[in-house]
Amino acid sequence: MARVQQQQQFRAALATVLRMKLAELAMNPTDLTRKVGLSLNTVRRTLMGERSPDVFELRLIADVLGEPYQVLVERADQYLAALETDASAVRQQIGEELG
């Protein structure tokens, strides 16, 4: 898989993890913006998977969300692995149905 594609997939997975954590805490992007001191546009683009936060930004976000940043990265990796497993199972099922 190409590096750019891997980066896009990781950004999307991290964005999903961050949105899930925000929902769990009953927070919205504006709340996060106020607490981390980043622009609303930066936060929204991060939560949509359009940009990757740098390490400093991720640490700020993680602190506000009450998680070590490493845990957020691990969860994004786990989310990606689950998606790949599901996609593989779907491909297998389709192959069996067509076979």
PDB file of N, CA and C in Angstrom:
ATOM      1  N   MET A   1       0.852  -1.176   0.000  1.00  0.00           N
ATOM      2  CA  MET A   1       0.000   0.000   0.000  1.00  0.00           C
ATOM      3  C   MET A   1       0.896   1.237   0.000  1.00  0.00           C
ATOM      4  N   ALA A   2       0.521   2.197  -0.781  1.00  0.00           N
ATOM      5  CA  ALA A   2       1.314   3.413  -0.900  1.00  0.00           C
ATOM      6  C   ALA A   2       1.291   4.205   0.400  1.00  0.00           C
ATOM      7  N   ARG A   3       2.388   4.878   0.644  1.00  0.00           N
ATOM      8  CA  ARG A   3       2.527   5.643   1.886  1.00  0.00           C
ATOM      9  C   ARG A   3       1.440   6.702   2.034  1.00  0.00           C
ATOM     10  N   VAL A   4       1.113   7.389   0.956  1.00  0.00           N
ATOM     11  CA  VAL A   4       0.092   8.436   1.016  1.00  0.00           C
ATOM     12  C   VAL A   4      -1.249   7.830   1.416  1.00  0.00           C
ATOM     13  N   GLN A   5      -1.566   6.671   0.854  1.00  0.00           N
ATOM     14  CA  GLN A   5      -2.817   6.007   1.197  1.00  0.00           C
ATOM     15  C   GLN A   5      -2.825   5.593   2.669  1.00  0.00           C
ATOM     16  N   GLN A   6      -1.697   5.107   3.165  1.00  0.00           N
ATOM     17  CA  GLN A   6      -1.600   4.738   4.588  1.00  0.00           C
ATOM     18  C   GLN A   6      -1.805   5.955   5.472  1.00  0.00           C
ATOM     19  N   GLN A   7      -1.221   7.078   5.084  1.00  0.00           N
ATOM     20  CA  GLN A   7      -1.385   8.307   5.864  1.00  0.00           C
ATOM     21  C   GLN A   7      -2.848   8.741   5.882  1.00  0.00           C
ATOM     22  N   GLN A   8      -3.506   8.664   4.736  1.00  0.00           N
ATOM     23  CA  GLN A   8      -4.914   9.056   4.657  1.00  0.00           C
ATOM     24  C   GLN A   8      -5.776   8.147   5.530  1.00  0.00           C
ATOM     25  N   GLN A   9      -5.501   6.852   5.482  1.00  0.00           N
ATOM     26  CA  GLN A   9      -6.274   5.909   6.283  1.00  0.00           C
ATOM     27  C   GLN A   9      -6.045   6.133   7.769  1.00  0.00           C
ATOM     28  N   PHE A  10      -4.792   6.410   8.158  1.00  0.00           N
ATOM     29  CA  PHE A  10      -4.517   6.661   9.571  1.00  0.00           C
ATOM     30  C   PHE A  10      -5.185   7.952  10.029  1.00  0.00           C
ATOM     31  N   ARG A  11      -5.121   8.992   9.205  1.00  0.00           N
ATOM     32  CA  ARG A  11      -5.788  10.261   9.552  1.00  0.00           C
ATOM     33  C   ARG A  11      -7.274  10.029   9.779  1.00  0.00           C
ATOM     34  N   ALA A  12      -7.890   9.267   8.890  1.00  0.00           N
ATOM     35  CA  ALA A  12      -9.324   8.980   9.014  1.00  0.00           C
ATOM     36  C   ALA A  12      -9.616   8.180  10.275  1.00  0.00           C
ATOM     37  N   ALA A  13      -8.760   7.202  10.578  1.00  0.00           N
ATOM     38  CA  ALA A  13      -8.960   6.383  11.778  1.00  0.00           C
ATOM     39  C   ALA A  13      -8.782   7.221  13.039  1.00  0.00           C
ATOM     40  N   LEU A  14      -7.756   8.052  13.066  1.00  0.00           N
ATOM     41  CA  LEU A  14      -7.535   8.914  14.229  1.00  0.00           C
ATOM     42  C   LEU A  14      -8.696   9.886  14.396  1.00  0.00           C
ATOM     43  N   ALA A  15      -9.183  10.429  13.295  1.00  0.00           N
ATOM     44  CA  ALA A  15     -10.327  11.337  13.357  1.00  0.00           C
ATOM     45  C   ALA A  15     -11.539  10.632  13.957  1.00  0.00           C
ATOM     46  N   THR A  16     -11.759   9.396  13.564  1.00  0.00           N
ATOM     47  CA  THR A  16     -12.886   8.625  14.106  1.00  0.00           C
ATOM     48  C   THR A  16     -12.719   8.424  15.604  1.00  0.00           C
ATOM     49  N   VAL A  17     -11.528   8.067  16.026  1.00  0.00           N
ATOM     50  CA  VAL A  17     -11.256   7.868  17.457  1.00  0.00           C
ATOM     51  C   VAL A  17     -11.493   9.167  18.224  1.00  0.00           C
ATOM     52  N   LEU A  18     -11.022  10.275  17.688  1.00  0.00           N
ATOM     53  CA  LEU A  18     -11.199  11.565  18.366  1.00  0.00           C
ATOM     54  C   LEU A  18     -12.674  11.949  18.449  1.00  0.00           C
ATOM     55  N   ARG A  19     -13.420  11.738  17.365  1.00  0.00           N
ATOM     56  CA  ARG A  19     -14.854  12.057  17.392  1.00  0.00           C
ATOM     57  C   ARG A  19     -15.596  11.181  18.398  1.00  0.00           C
ATOM     58  N   MET A  20     -15.230   9.905  18.459  1.00  0.00           N
ATOM     59  CA  MET A  20     -15.864   9.002  19.426  1.00  0.00           C
ATOM     60  C   MET A  20     -15.588   9.460  20.852  1.00  0.00           C
ATOM     61  N   LYS A  21     -14.358   9.875  21.116  1.00  0.00           N
ATOM     62  CA  LYS A  21     -14.000  10.331  22.456  1.00  0.00           C
ATOM     63  C   LYS A  21     -14.730  11.634  22.788  1.00  0.00           C
ATOM     64  N   LEU A  22     -14.835  12.532  21.819  1.00  0.00           N
ATOM     65  CA  LEU A  22     -15.589  13.769  22.049  1.00  0.00           C
ATOM     66  C   LEU A  22     -17.034  13.457  22.395  1.00  0.00           C
ATOM     67  N   ALA A  23     -17.630  12.540  21.645  1.00  0.00           N
ATOM     68  CA  ALA A  23     -19.027  12.163  21.909  1.00  0.00           C
ATOM     69  C   ALA A  23     -19.173  11.557  23.295  1.00  0.00           C
ATOM     70  N   GLU A  24     -18.220  10.711  23.658  1.00  0.00           N
ATOM     71  CA  GLU A  24     -18.242  10.081  24.990  1.00  0.00           C
ATOM     72  C   GLU A  24     -18.215  11.130  26.091  1.00  0.00           C
ATOM     73  N   LEU A  25     -17.502  12.215  25.846  1.00  0.00           N
ATOM     74  CA  LEU A  25     -17.374  13.289  26.842  1.00  0.00           C
ATOM     75  C   LEU A  25     -18.430  14.380  26.668  1.00  0.00           C
ATOM     76  N   ALA A  26     -19.360  14.170  25.731  1.00  0.00           N
ATOM     77  CA  ALA A  26     -20.400  15.157  25.420  1.00  0.00           C
ATOM     78  C   ALA A  26     -19.789  16.512  25.081  1.00  0.00           C
ATOM     79  N   MET A  27     -18.717  16.473  24.295  1.00  0.00           N
ATOM     80  CA  MET A  27     -18.049  17.692  23.835  1.00  0.00           C
ATOM     81  C   MET A  27     -18.272  17.840  22.339  1.00  0.00           C
ATOM     82  N   ASN A  28     -18.122  19.067  21.858  1.00  0.00           N
ATOM     83  CA  ASN A  28     -18.191  19.320  20.422  1.00  0.00           C
ATOM     84  C   ASN A  28     -16.895  19.999  19.976  1.00  0.00           C
ATOM     85  N   PRO A  29     -16.713  20.189  18.673  1.00  0.00           N
ATOM     86  CA  PRO A  29     -15.471  20.812  18.196  1.00  0.00           C
ATOM     87  C   PRO A  29     -15.193  22.185  18.804  1.00  0.00           C
ATOM     88  N   THR A  30     -16.238  22.955  19.050  1.00  0.00           N
ATOM     89  CA  THR A  30     -16.039  24.279  19.647  1.00  0.00           C
ATOM     90  C   THR A  30     -15.487  24.158  21.065  1.00  0.00           C
ATOM     91  N   ASP A  31     -16.009  23.199  21.830  1.00  0.00           N
ATOM     92  CA  ASP A  31     -15.485  22.966  23.181  1.00  0.00           C
ATOM     93  C   ASP A  31     -14.003  22.616  23.115  1.00  0.00           C
ATOM     94  N   LEU A  32     -13.663  21.705  22.211  1.00  0.00           N
ATOM     95  CA  LEU A  32     -12.269  21.284  22.077  1.00  0.00           C
ATOM     96  C   LEU A  32     -11.391  22.456  21.669  1.00  0.00           C
ATOM     97  N   THR A  33     -11.881  23.266  20.737  1.00  0.00           N
ATOM     98  CA  THR A  33     -11.142  24.445  20.275  1.00  0.00           C
ATOM     99  C   THR A  33     -10.803  25.377  21.436  1.00  0.00           C
ATOM    100  N   ARG A  34     -11.796  25.640  22.260  1.00  0.00           N
ATOM    101  CA  ARG A  34     -11.580  26.541  23.401  1.00  0.00           C
ATOM    102  C   ARG A  34     -10.538  25.990  24.366  1.00  0.00           C
ATOM    103  N   LYS A  35     -10.581  24.685  24.571  1.00  0.00           N
ATOM    104  CA  LYS A  35      -9.703  24.088  25.580  1.00  0.00           C
ATOM    105  C   LYS A  35      -8.281  23.855  25.091  1.00  0.00           C
ATOM    106  N   VAL A  36      -8.086  23.629  23.787  1.00  0.00           N
ATOM    107  CA  VAL A  36      -6.728  23.374  23.292  1.00  0.00           C
ATOM    108  C   VAL A  36      -6.065  24.612  22.710  1.00  0.00           C
ATOM    109  N   GLY A  37      -6.872  25.618  22.375  1.00  0.00           N
ATOM    110  CA  GLY A  37      -6.285  26.844  21.842  1.00  0.00           C
ATOM    111  C   GLY A  37      -5.929  26.776  20.368  1.00  0.00           C
ATOM    112  N   LEU A  38      -6.489  25.820  19.647  1.00  0.00           N
ATOM    113  CA  LEU A  38      -6.295  25.744  18.204  1.00  0.00           C
ATOM    114  C   LEU A  38      -7.491  26.397  17.524  1.00  0.00           C
ATOM    115  N   SER A  39      -7.334  26.750  16.265  1.00  0.00           N
ATOM    116  CA  SER A  39      -8.464  27.361  15.556  1.00  0.00           C
ATOM    117  C   SER A  39      -9.551  26.320  15.318  1.00  0.00           C
ATOM    118  N   LEU A  40     -10.776  26.804  15.187  1.00  0.00           N
ATOM    119  CA  LEU A  40     -11.899  25.913  14.923  1.00  0.00           C
ATOM    120  C   LEU A  40     -11.689  25.184  13.596  1.00  0.00           C
ATOM    121  N   ASN A  41     -11.149  25.877  12.603  1.00  0.00           N
ATOM    122  CA  ASN A  41     -10.881  25.258  11.306  1.00  0.00           C
ATOM    123  C   ASN A  41      -9.883  24.105  11.454  1.00  0.00           C
ATOM    124  N   THR A  42      -8.844  24.302  12.233  1.00  0.00           N
ATOM    125  CA  THR A  42      -7.843  23.249  12.454  1.00  0.00           C
ATOM    126  C   THR A  42      -8.471  22.048  13.139  1.00  0.00           C
ATOM    127  N   VAL A  43      -9.270  22.309  14.157  1.00  0.00           N
ATOM    128  CA  VAL A  43      -9.922  21.217  14.886  1.00  0.00           C
ATOM    129  C   VAL A  43     -10.895  20.479  13.977  1.00  0.00           C
ATOM    130  N   ARG A  44     -11.696  21.201  13.240  1.00  0.00           N
ATOM    131  CA  ARG A  44     -12.670  20.562  12.330  1.00  0.00           C
ATOM    132  C   ARG A  44     -11.976  19.722  11.271  1.00  0.00           C
ATOM    133  N   ARG A  45     -10.911  20.260  10.682  1.00  0.00           N
ATOM    134  CA  ARG A  45     -10.184  19.501   9.651  1.00  0.00           C
ATOM    135  C   ARG A  45      -9.543  18.257  10.243  1.00  0.00           C
ATOM    136  N   THR A  46      -9.079  18.338  11.479  1.00  0.00           N
ATOM    137  CA  THR A  46      -8.507  17.174  12.157  1.00  0.00           C
ATOM    138  C   THR A  46      -9.586  16.134  12.415  1.00  0.00           C
ATOM    139  N   LEU A  47     -10.749  16.587  12.875  1.00  0.00           N
ATOM    140  CA  LEU A  47     -11.844  15.667  13.188  1.00  0.00           C
ATOM    141  C   LEU A  47     -12.482  15.066  11.936  1.00  0.00           C
ATOM    142  N   MET A  48     -12.256  15.674  10.797  1.00  0.00           N
ATOM    143  CA  MET A  48     -12.764  15.134   9.529  1.00  0.00           C
ATOM    144  C   MET A  48     -11.707  14.267   8.830  1.00  0.00           C
ATOM    145  N   GLY A  49     -10.515  14.205   9.398  1.00  0.00           N
ATOM    146  CA  GLY A  49      -9.456  13.403   8.789  1.00  0.00           C
ATOM    147  C   GLY A  49      -8.786  14.078   7.609  1.00  0.00           C
ATOM    148  N   GLU A  50      -8.967  15.382   7.495  1.00  0.00           N
ATOM    149  CA  GLU A  50      -8.374  16.134   6.386  1.00  0.00           C
ATOM    150  C   GLU A  50      -6.938  16.564   6.675  1.00  0.00           C
ATOM    151  N   ARG A  51      -6.573  16.523   7.934  1.00  0.00           N
ATOM    152  CA  ARG A  51      -5.202  16.880   8.330  1.00  0.00           C
ATOM    153  C   ARG A  51      -4.806  16.052   9.535  1.00  0.00           C
ATOM    154  N   SER A  52      -3.513  15.890   9.689  1.00  0.00           N
ATOM    155  CA  SER A  52      -2.986  15.184  10.855  1.00  0.00           C
ATOM    156  C   SER A  52      -2.482  16.208  11.861  1.00  0.00           C
ATOM    157  N   PRO A  53      -2.831  16.027  13.110  1.00  0.00           N
ATOM    158  CA  PRO A  53      -2.262  16.942  14.106  1.00  0.00           C
ATOM    159  C   PRO A  53      -0.784  16.614  14.289  1.00  0.00           C
ATOM    160  N   ASP A  54       0.012  17.649  14.555  1.00  0.00           N
ATOM    161  CA  ASP A  54       1.403  17.339  14.873  1.00  0.00           C
ATOM    162  C   ASP A  54       1.440  16.783  16.306  1.00  0.00           C
ATOM    163  N   VAL A  55       2.588  16.331  16.731  1.00  0.00           N
ATOM    164  CA  VAL A  55       2.688  15.677  18.039  1.00  0.00           C
ATOM    165  C   VAL A  55       2.280  16.625  19.163  1.00  0.00           C
ATOM    166  N   PHE A  56       2.677  17.874  19.066  1.00  0.00           N
ATOM    167  CA  PHE A  56       2.321  18.845  20.099  1.00  0.00           C
ATOM    168  C   PHE A  56       0.809  19.021  20.161  1.00  0.00           C
ATOM    169  N   GLU A  57       0.165  19.172  18.992  1.00  0.00           N
ATOM    170  CA  GLU A  57      -1.290  19.326  18.959  1.00  0.00           C
ATOM    171  C   GLU A  57      -1.987  18.078  19.496  1.00  0.00           C
ATOM    172  N   LEU A  58      -1.485  16.911  19.110  1.00  0.00           N
ATOM    173  CA  LEU A  58      -2.094  15.669  19.574  1.00  0.00           C
ATOM    174  C   LEU A  58      -1.981  15.549  21.090  1.00  0.00           C
ATOM    175  N   ARG A  59      -0.865  15.977  21.642  1.00  0.00           N
ATOM    176  CA  ARG A  59      -0.717  15.956  23.108  1.00  0.00           C
ATOM    177  C   ARG A  59      -1.721  16.900  23.776  1.00  0.00           C
ATOM    178  N   LEU A  60      -1.902  18.082  23.204  1.00  0.00           N
ATOM    179  CA  LEU A  60      -2.885  19.026  23.753  1.00  0.00           C
ATOM    180  C   LEU A  60      -4.285  18.421  23.712  1.00  0.00           C
ATOM    181  N   ILE A  61      -4.642  17.867  22.559  1.00  0.00           N
ATOM    182  CA  ILE A  61      -5.965  17.256  22.388  1.00  0.00           C
ATOM    183  C   ILE A  61      -6.132  16.097  23.362  1.00  0.00           C
ATOM    184  N   ALA A  62      -5.117  15.248  23.457  1.00  0.00           N
ATOM    185  CA  ALA A  62      -5.187  14.086  24.349  1.00  0.00           C
ATOM    186  C   ALA A  62      -5.379  14.520  25.797  1.00  0.00           C
ATOM    187  N   ASP A  63      -4.670  15.562  26.210  1.00  0.00           N
ATOM    188  CA  ASP A  63      -4.821  16.057  27.585  1.00  0.00           C
ATOM    189  C   ASP A  63      -6.257  16.489  27.858  1.00  0.00           C
ATOM    190  N   VAL A  64      -6.839  17.216  26.916  1.00  0.00           N
ATOM    191  CA  VAL A  64      -8.218  17.677  27.081  1.00  0.00           C
ATOM    192  C   VAL A  64      -9.179  16.488  27.123  1.00  0.00           C
ATOM    193  N   LEU A  65      -8.893  15.467  26.322  1.00  0.00           N
ATOM    194  CA  LEU A  65      -9.763  14.288  26.278  1.00  0.00           C
ATOM    195  C   LEU A  65      -9.489  13.312  27.421  1.00  0.00           C
ATOM    196  N   GLY A  66      -8.462  13.591  28.211  1.00  0.00           N
ATOM    197  CA  GLY A  66      -8.165  12.753  29.370  1.00  0.00           C
ATOM    198  C   GLY A  66      -7.532  11.414  29.025  1.00  0.00           C
ATOM    199  N   GLU A  67      -6.828  11.374  27.913  1.00  0.00           N
ATOM    200  CA  GLU A  67      -6.166  10.143  27.475  1.00  0.00           C
ATOM    201  C   GLU A  67      -4.713  10.447  27.138  1.00  0.00           C
ATOM    202  N   PRO A  68      -3.804   9.523  27.401  1.00  0.00           N
ATOM    203  CA  PRO A  68      -2.449   9.697  26.869  1.00  0.00           C
ATOM    204  C   PRO A  68      -2.514   9.663  25.338  1.00  0.00           C
ATOM    205  N   TYR A  69      -1.707  10.477  24.690  1.00  0.00           N
ATOM    206  CA  TYR A  69      -1.772  10.520  23.225  1.00  0.00           C
ATOM    207  C   TYR A  69      -1.431   9.176  22.611  1.00  0.00           C
ATOM    208  N   GLN A  70      -0.576   8.393  23.303  1.00  0.00           N
ATOM    209  CA  GLN A  70      -0.219   7.068  22.790  1.00  0.00           C
ATOM    210  C   GLN A  70      -1.447   6.161  22.706  1.00  0.00           C
ATOM    211  N   VAL A  71      -2.364   6.307  23.650  1.00  0.00           N
ATOM    212  CA  VAL A  71      -3.581   5.498  23.657  1.00  0.00           C
ATOM    213  C   VAL A  71      -4.449   5.863  22.453  1.00  0.00           C
ATOM    214  N   LEU A  72      -4.540   7.137  22.127  1.00  0.00           N
ATOM    215  CA  LEU A  72      -5.318   7.555  20.964  1.00  0.00           C
ATOM    216  C   LEU A  72      -4.727   6.978  19.684  1.00  0.00           C
ATOM    217  N   VAL A  73      -3.401   6.986  19.585  1.00  0.00           N
ATOM    218  CA  VAL A  73      -2.729   6.423  18.411  1.00  0.00           C
ATOM    219  C   VAL A  73      -2.967   4.913  18.345  1.00  0.00           C
ATOM    220  N   GLU A  74      -2.864   4.228  19.491  1.00  0.00           N
ATOM    221  CA  GLU A  74      -3.124   2.785  19.537  1.00  0.00           C
ATOM    222  C   GLU A  74      -4.547   2.470  19.101  1.00  0.00           C
ATOM    223  N   ARG A  75      -5.493   3.252  19.581  1.00  0.00           N
ATOM    224  CA  ARG A  75      -6.895   3.021  19.203  1.00  0.00           C
ATOM    225  C   ARG A  75      -7.110   3.226  17.709  1.00  0.00           C
ATOM    226  N   ALA A  76      -6.430   4.213  17.149  1.00  0.00           N
ATOM    227  CA  ALA A  76      -6.528   4.424  15.698  1.00  0.00           C
ATOM    228  C   ALA A  76      -5.961   3.213  14.952  1.00  0.00           C
ATOM    229  N   ASP A  77      -4.840   2.688  15.422  1.00  0.00           N
ATOM    230  CA  ASP A  77      -4.260   1.486  14.811  1.00  0.00           C
ATOM    231  C   ASP A  77      -5.215   0.300  14.931  1.00  0.00           C
ATOM    232  N   GLN A  78      -5.834   0.146  16.090  1.00  0.00           N
ATOM    233  CA  GLN A  78      -6.786  -0.950  16.302  1.00  0.00           C
ATOM    234  C   GLN A  78      -8.007  -0.789  15.403  1.00  0.00           C
ATOM    235  N   TYR A  79      -8.463   0.429  15.249  1.00  0.00           N
ATOM    236  CA  TYR A  79      -9.610   0.704  14.382  1.00  0.00           C
ATOM    237  C   TYR A  79      -9.274   0.321  12.941  1.00  0.00           C
ATOM    238  N   LEU A  80      -8.083   0.705  12.489  1.00  0.00           N
ATOM    239  CA  LEU A  80      -7.657   0.347  11.138  1.00  0.00           C
ATOM    240  C   LEU A  80      -7.576  -1.164  10.964  1.00  0.00           C
ATOM    241  N   ALA A  81      -7.011  -1.849  11.948  1.00  0.00           N
ATOM    242  CA  ALA A  81      -6.898  -3.310  11.874  1.00  0.00           C
ATOM    243  C   ALA A  81      -8.278  -3.956  11.798  1.00  0.00           C
ATOM    244  N   ALA A  82      -9.225  -3.430  12.564  1.00  0.00           N
ATOM    245  CA  ALA A  82     -10.591  -3.973  12.540  1.00  0.00           C
ATOM    246  C   ALA A  82     -11.233  -3.752  11.172  1.00  0.00           C
ATOM    247  N   LEU A  83     -11.005  -2.590  10.582  1.00  0.00           N
ATOM    248  CA  LEU A  83     -11.551  -2.316   9.250  1.00  0.00           C
ATOM    249  C   LEU A  83     -10.965  -3.270   8.218  1.00  0.00           C
ATOM    250  N   GLU A  84      -9.661  -3.505   8.308  1.00  0.00           N
ATOM    251  CA  GLU A  84      -9.003  -4.413   7.367  1.00  0.00           C
ATOM    252  C   GLU A  84      -9.526  -5.834   7.533  1.00  0.00           C
ATOM    253  N   THR A  85      -9.740  -6.259   8.774  1.00  0.00           N
ATOM    254  CA  THR A  85     -10.272  -7.592   9.031  1.00  0.00           C
ATOM    255  C   THR A  85     -11.683  -7.719   8.469  1.00  0.00           C
ATOM    256  N   ASP A  86     -12.508  -6.705   8.714  1.00  0.00           N
ATOM    257  CA  ASP A  86     -13.876  -6.717   8.192  1.00  0.00           C
ATOM    258  C   ASP A  86     -13.882  -6.740   6.667  1.00  0.00           C
ATOM    259  N   ALA A  87     -13.020  -5.936   6.056  1.00  0.00           N
ATOM    260  CA  ALA A  87     -12.956  -5.889   4.597  1.00  0.00           C
ATOM    261  C   ALA A  87     -12.516  -7.237   4.038  1.00  0.00           C
ATOM    262  N   SER A  88     -11.572  -7.866   4.709  1.00  0.00           N
ATOM    263  CA  SER A  88     -11.101  -9.181   4.273  1.00  0.00           C
ATOM    264  C   SER A  88     -12.222 -10.214   4.375  1.00  0.00           C
ATOM    265  N   ALA A  89     -12.983 -10.155   5.448  1.00  0.00           N
ATOM    266  CA  ALA A  89     -14.092 -11.095   5.638  1.00  0.00           C
ATOM    267  C   ALA A  89     -15.163 -10.877   4.577  1.00  0.00           C
ATOM    268  N   VAL A  90     -15.431  -9.635   4.249  1.00  0.00           N
ATOM    269  CA  VAL A  90     -16.428  -9.323   3.220  1.00  0.00           C
ATOM    270  C   VAL A  90     -15.954  -9.836   1.861  1.00  0.00           C
ATOM    271  N   ARG A  91     -14.668  -9.605   1.535  1.00  0.00           N
ATOM    272  CA  ARG A  91     -14.128 -10.102   0.268  1.00  0.00           C
ATOM    273  C   ARG A  91     -14.234 -11.617   0.195  1.00  0.00           C
ATOM    274  N   GLN A  92     -13.925 -12.271   1.305  1.00  0.00           N
ATOM    275  CA  GLN A  92     -14.008 -13.728   1.347  1.00  0.00           C
ATOM    276  C   GLN A  92     -15.445 -14.192   1.141  1.00  0.00           C
ATOM    277  N   GLN A  93     -16.375 -13.541   1.829  1.00  0.00           N
ATOM    278  CA  GLN A  93     -17.793 -13.923   1.699  1.00  0.00           C
ATOM    279  C   GLN A  93     -18.290 -13.736   0.274  1.00  0.00           C
ATOM    280  N   ILE A  94     -17.916 -12.632  -0.339  1.00  0.00           N
ATOM    281  CA  ILE A  94     -18.321 -12.365  -1.721  1.00  0.00           C
ATOM    282  C   ILE A  94     -17.728 -13.428  -2.644  1.00  0.00           C
ATOM    283  N   GLY A  95     -16.471 -13.752  -2.409  1.00  0.00           N
ATOM    284  CA  GLY A  95     -15.819 -14.793  -3.216  1.00  0.00           C
ATOM    285  C   GLY A  95     -16.532 -16.124  -3.100  1.00  0.00           C
ATOM    286  N   GLU A  96     -16.949 -16.476  -1.899  1.00  0.00           N
ATOM    287  CA  GLU A  96     -17.666 -17.730  -1.676  1.00  0.00           C
ATOM    288  C   GLU A  96     -19.029 -17.716  -2.352  1.00  0.00           C
ATOM    289  N   GLU A  97     -19.699 -16.562  -2.297  1.00  0.00           N
ATOM    290  CA  GLU A  97     -21.009 -16.444  -2.902  1.00  0.00           C
ATOM    291  C   GLU A  97     -20.928 -16.497  -4.428  1.00  0.00           C
ATOM    292  N   LEU A  98     -19.858 -15.927  -4.977  1.00  0.00           N
ATOM    293  CA  LEU A  98     -19.691 -15.913  -6.426  1.00  0.00           C
ATOM    294  C   LEU A  98     -19.073 -17.214  -6.935  1.00  0.00           C
ATOM    295  N   GLY A  99     -18.317 -17.883  -6.041  1.00  0.00           N
ATOM    296  CA  GLY A  99     -17.547 -19.066  -6.412  1.00  0.00           C
ATOM    297  C   GLY A  99     -18.378 -20.226  -6.726  1.00  0.00           C
TER     298      GLY A  99
END
